Amino acid sequence: MSEAKATLTYARIAPRKVNIVADLIRGKDIDLAVGILNNTPKKASPLLAKLVNSAAANAENNNGMDRAKLYVSAVYVNPGPIMKRMQPVSKGRGYRIDKRTSHITVVVSEKA
């Protein structure tokens, strides 16, 4: 079974926020997944929609698959490097703020 994938690395959004949206499209058809993402009011939605479309285009152009038979076979989100920042607080202290990044991968496959 052939598959195609698209990745986004160093996305400036926390992985746990992306996972919420990724769970909505895992296992769905391509057109249904894009429709769900276009109507989901989360910051990760446009990122994932672009990735799903890119993976579908990779499948069509590089592997010769039929877009009508494609579905999202896997979506996984891994943490990227964390940017550490300081927030000044009282008495001369500094609290650390972690700005998390994500590596997102979308894999599409063809239905049998």
C-alpha atoms as a PDB file:
ATOM      1  CA  MET A   1       0.000   0.000   0.000  1.00  0.00           C
ATOM      2  CA  SER A   2       1.546   3.275  -1.086  1.00  0.00           C
ATOM      3  CA  GLU A   3       1.363   6.443   0.914  1.00  0.00           C
ATOM      4  CA  ALA A   4       2.438  10.061   0.663  1.00  0.00           C
ATOM      5  CA  LYS A   5       3.250  12.527   3.398  1.00  0.00           C
ATOM      6  CA  ALA A   6       3.824  16.188   4.118  1.00  0.00           C
ATOM      7  CA  THR A   7       5.645  17.664   7.103  1.00  0.00           C
ATOM      8  CA  LEU A   8       5.747  21.021   8.822  1.00  0.00           C
ATOM      9  CA  THR A   9       8.681  21.566  11.146  1.00  0.00           C
ATOM     10  CA  TYR A  10       9.216  24.250  13.788  1.00  0.00           C
ATOM     11  CA  ALA A  11       5.571  25.396  13.796  1.00  0.00           C
ATOM     12  CA  ARG A  12       5.167  28.041  16.504  1.00  0.00           C
ATOM     13  CA  ILE A  13       2.295  26.345  18.307  1.00  0.00           C
ATOM     14  CA  ALA A  14       2.290  23.940  21.241  1.00  0.00           C
ATOM     15  CA  PRO A  15       1.955  20.246  20.309  1.00  0.00           C
ATOM     16  CA  ARG A  16      -0.955  19.635  22.684  1.00  0.00           C
ATOM     17  CA  LYS A  17      -2.986  22.299  20.872  1.00  0.00           C
ATOM     18  CA  VAL A  18      -2.276  20.723  17.494  1.00  0.00           C
ATOM     19  CA  ASN A  19      -3.171  17.247  18.777  1.00  0.00           C
ATOM     20  CA  ILE A  20      -6.701  18.397  19.631  1.00  0.00           C
ATOM     21  CA  VAL A  21      -7.334  19.271  15.973  1.00  0.00           C
ATOM     22  CA  ALA A  22      -5.325  16.318  14.602  1.00  0.00           C
ATOM     23  CA  ASP A  23      -7.621  13.893  16.441  1.00  0.00           C
ATOM     24  CA  LEU A  24     -10.594  15.287  14.470  1.00  0.00           C
ATOM     25  CA  ILE A  25      -9.241  14.320  11.029  1.00  0.00           C
ATOM     26  CA  ARG A  26      -7.371  11.067  11.686  1.00  0.00           C
ATOM     27  CA  GLY A  27      -8.836   8.318   9.457  1.00  0.00           C
ATOM     28  CA  LYS A  28     -11.147  10.630   7.468  1.00  0.00           C
ATOM     29  CA  ASP A  29     -11.381  11.110   3.689  1.00  0.00           C
ATOM     30  CA  ILE A  30      -9.355  14.018   2.270  1.00  0.00           C
ATOM     31  CA  ASP A  31     -12.313  16.224   1.329  1.00  0.00           C
ATOM     32  CA  LEU A  32     -14.082  15.572   4.631  1.00  0.00           C
ATOM     33  CA  ALA A  33     -10.889  16.333   6.574  1.00  0.00           C
ATOM     34  CA  VAL A  34     -10.395  19.645   4.742  1.00  0.00           C
ATOM     35  CA  GLY A  35     -14.049  20.538   5.369  1.00  0.00           C
ATOM     36  CA  ILE A  36     -13.692  19.809   9.081  1.00  0.00           C
ATOM     37  CA  LEU A  37     -10.512  21.890   9.287  1.00  0.00           C
ATOM     38  CA  ASN A  38     -12.052  24.834   7.420  1.00  0.00           C
ATOM     39  CA  ASN A  39     -14.873  24.954   9.989  1.00  0.00           C
ATOM     40  CA  THR A  40     -12.829  24.426  13.151  1.00  0.00           C
ATOM     41  CA  PRO A  41     -11.973  27.686  14.957  1.00  0.00           C
ATOM     42  CA  LYS A  42      -8.505  26.731  16.195  1.00  0.00           C
ATOM     43  CA  LYS A  43      -5.091  28.171  15.336  1.00  0.00           C
ATOM     44  CA  ALA A  44      -3.868  24.736  14.216  1.00  0.00           C
ATOM     45  CA  SER A  45      -6.685  24.298  11.673  1.00  0.00           C
ATOM     46  CA  PRO A  46      -5.198  26.301   8.767  1.00  0.00           C
ATOM     47  CA  LEU A  47      -1.787  24.713   9.347  1.00  0.00           C
ATOM     48  CA  LEU A  48      -3.240  21.195   9.170  1.00  0.00           C
ATOM     49  CA  ALA A  49      -5.483  22.056   6.203  1.00  0.00           C
ATOM     50  CA  LYS A  50      -2.460  23.221   4.239  1.00  0.00           C
ATOM     51  CA  LEU A  51      -0.582  20.047   5.196  1.00  0.00           C
ATOM     52  CA  VAL A  52      -3.463  17.765   4.184  1.00  0.00           C
ATOM     53  CA  ASN A  53      -3.735  19.481   0.801  1.00  0.00           C
ATOM     54  CA  SER A  54       0.030  19.259   0.347  1.00  0.00           C
ATOM     55  CA  ALA A  55       0.089  15.551   1.192  1.00  0.00           C
ATOM     56  CA  ALA A  56      -2.787  14.950  -1.253  1.00  0.00           C
ATOM     57  CA  ALA A  57      -0.920  16.856  -3.978  1.00  0.00           C
ATOM     58  CA  ASN A  58       2.215  14.814  -3.262  1.00  0.00           C
ATOM     59  CA  ALA A  59       0.179  11.624  -3.586  1.00  0.00           C
ATOM     60  CA  GLU A  60      -1.319  12.698  -6.914  1.00  0.00           C
ATOM     61  CA  ASN A  61       1.763  14.175  -8.562  1.00  0.00           C
ATOM     62  CA  ASN A  62       4.574  12.001  -7.186  1.00  0.00           C
ATOM     63  CA  ASN A  63       2.852   8.640  -6.694  1.00  0.00           C
ATOM     64  CA  GLY A  64       0.015   8.813  -9.269  1.00  0.00           C
ATOM     65  CA  MET A  65      -2.748   8.115  -6.733  1.00  0.00           C
ATOM     66  CA  ASP A  66      -6.415   8.997  -7.231  1.00  0.00           C
ATOM     67  CA  ARG A  67      -7.532  11.915  -5.021  1.00  0.00           C
ATOM     68  CA  ALA A  68     -11.043  10.474  -4.667  1.00  0.00           C
ATOM     69  CA  LYS A  69      -9.652   7.376  -2.917  1.00  0.00           C
ATOM     70  CA  LEU A  70      -7.298   9.171  -0.514  1.00  0.00           C
ATOM     71  CA  TYR A  71      -7.771   9.301   3.246  1.00  0.00           C
ATOM     72  CA  VAL A  72      -5.719  10.607   6.169  1.00  0.00           C
ATOM     73  CA  SER A  73      -4.035   7.448   7.430  1.00  0.00           C
ATOM     74  CA  ALA A  74      -1.837   9.086  10.077  1.00  0.00           C
ATOM     75  CA  VAL A  75      -1.292  12.445  11.717  1.00  0.00           C
ATOM     76  CA  TYR A  76       1.372  12.788  14.341  1.00  0.00           C
ATOM     77  CA  VAL A  77       2.670  15.777  16.235  1.00  0.00           C
ATOM     78  CA  ASN A  78       6.050  15.782  17.931  1.00  0.00           C
ATOM     79  CA  PRO A  79       7.492  18.521  20.116  1.00  0.00           C
ATOM     80  CA  GLY A  80      10.174  20.698  18.580  1.00  0.00           C
ATOM     81  CA  PRO A  81      12.721  22.847  20.379  1.00  0.00           C
ATOM     82  CA  ILE A  82      11.442  25.107  23.153  1.00  0.00           C
ATOM     83  CA  MET A  83      12.273  28.809  23.070  1.00  0.00           C
ATOM     84  CA  LYS A  84      12.888  29.985  26.631  1.00  0.00           C
ATOM     85  CA  ARG A  85      11.932  33.548  27.522  1.00  0.00           C
ATOM     86  CA  MET A  86      11.940  35.477  30.807  1.00  0.00           C
ATOM     87  CA  GLN A  87       9.047  37.466  32.275  1.00  0.00           C
ATOM     88  CA  PRO A  88      10.115  40.017  34.888  1.00  0.00           C
ATOM     89  CA  VAL A  89       8.170  39.723  38.155  1.00  0.00           C
ATOM     90  CA  SER A  90       8.311  41.364  41.559  1.00  0.00           C
ATOM     91  CA  LYS A  91      11.426  41.590  43.752  1.00  0.00           C
ATOM     92  CA  GLY A  92      13.787  41.396  40.800  1.00  0.00           C
ATOM     93  CA  ARG A  93      12.935  37.827  39.879  1.00  0.00           C
ATOM     94  CA  GLY A  94      12.288  36.411  36.467  1.00  0.00           C
ATOM     95  CA  TYR A  95       9.812  33.681  35.640  1.00  0.00           C
ATOM     96  CA  ARG A  96      10.494  31.501  32.634  1.00  0.00           C
ATOM     97  CA  ILE A  97       8.048  31.345  29.752  1.00  0.00           C
ATOM     98  CA  ASP A  98       8.371  28.367  27.414  1.00  0.00           C
ATOM     99  CA  LYS A  99       7.396  29.039  23.811  1.00  0.00           C
ATOM    100  CA  ARG A 100       6.829  25.589  22.404  1.00  0.00           C
ATOM    101  CA  THR A 101       7.185  24.465  18.804  1.00  0.00           C
ATOM    102  CA  SER A 102       5.832  21.441  16.928  1.00  0.00           C
ATOM    103  CA  HIS A 103       6.841  19.112  14.133  1.00  0.00           C
ATOM    104  CA  ILE A 104       3.654  18.005  12.355  1.00  0.00           C
ATOM    105  CA  THR A 105       3.417  15.119   9.846  1.00  0.00           C
ATOM    106  CA  VAL A 106       0.357  14.146   7.790  1.00  0.00           C
ATOM    107  CA  VAL A 107       0.324  10.813   5.936  1.00  0.00           C
ATOM    108  CA  VAL A 108      -2.310   9.993   3.306  1.00  0.00           C
ATOM    109  CA  SER A 109      -2.997   6.556   1.798  1.00  0.00           C
ATOM    110  CA  GLU A 110      -5.226   5.146  -0.889  1.00  0.00           C
ATOM    111  CA  LYS A 111      -8.253   3.035   0.019  1.00  0.00           C
ATOM    112  CA  ALA A 112      -8.105  -0.548  -1.205  1.00  0.00           C
END
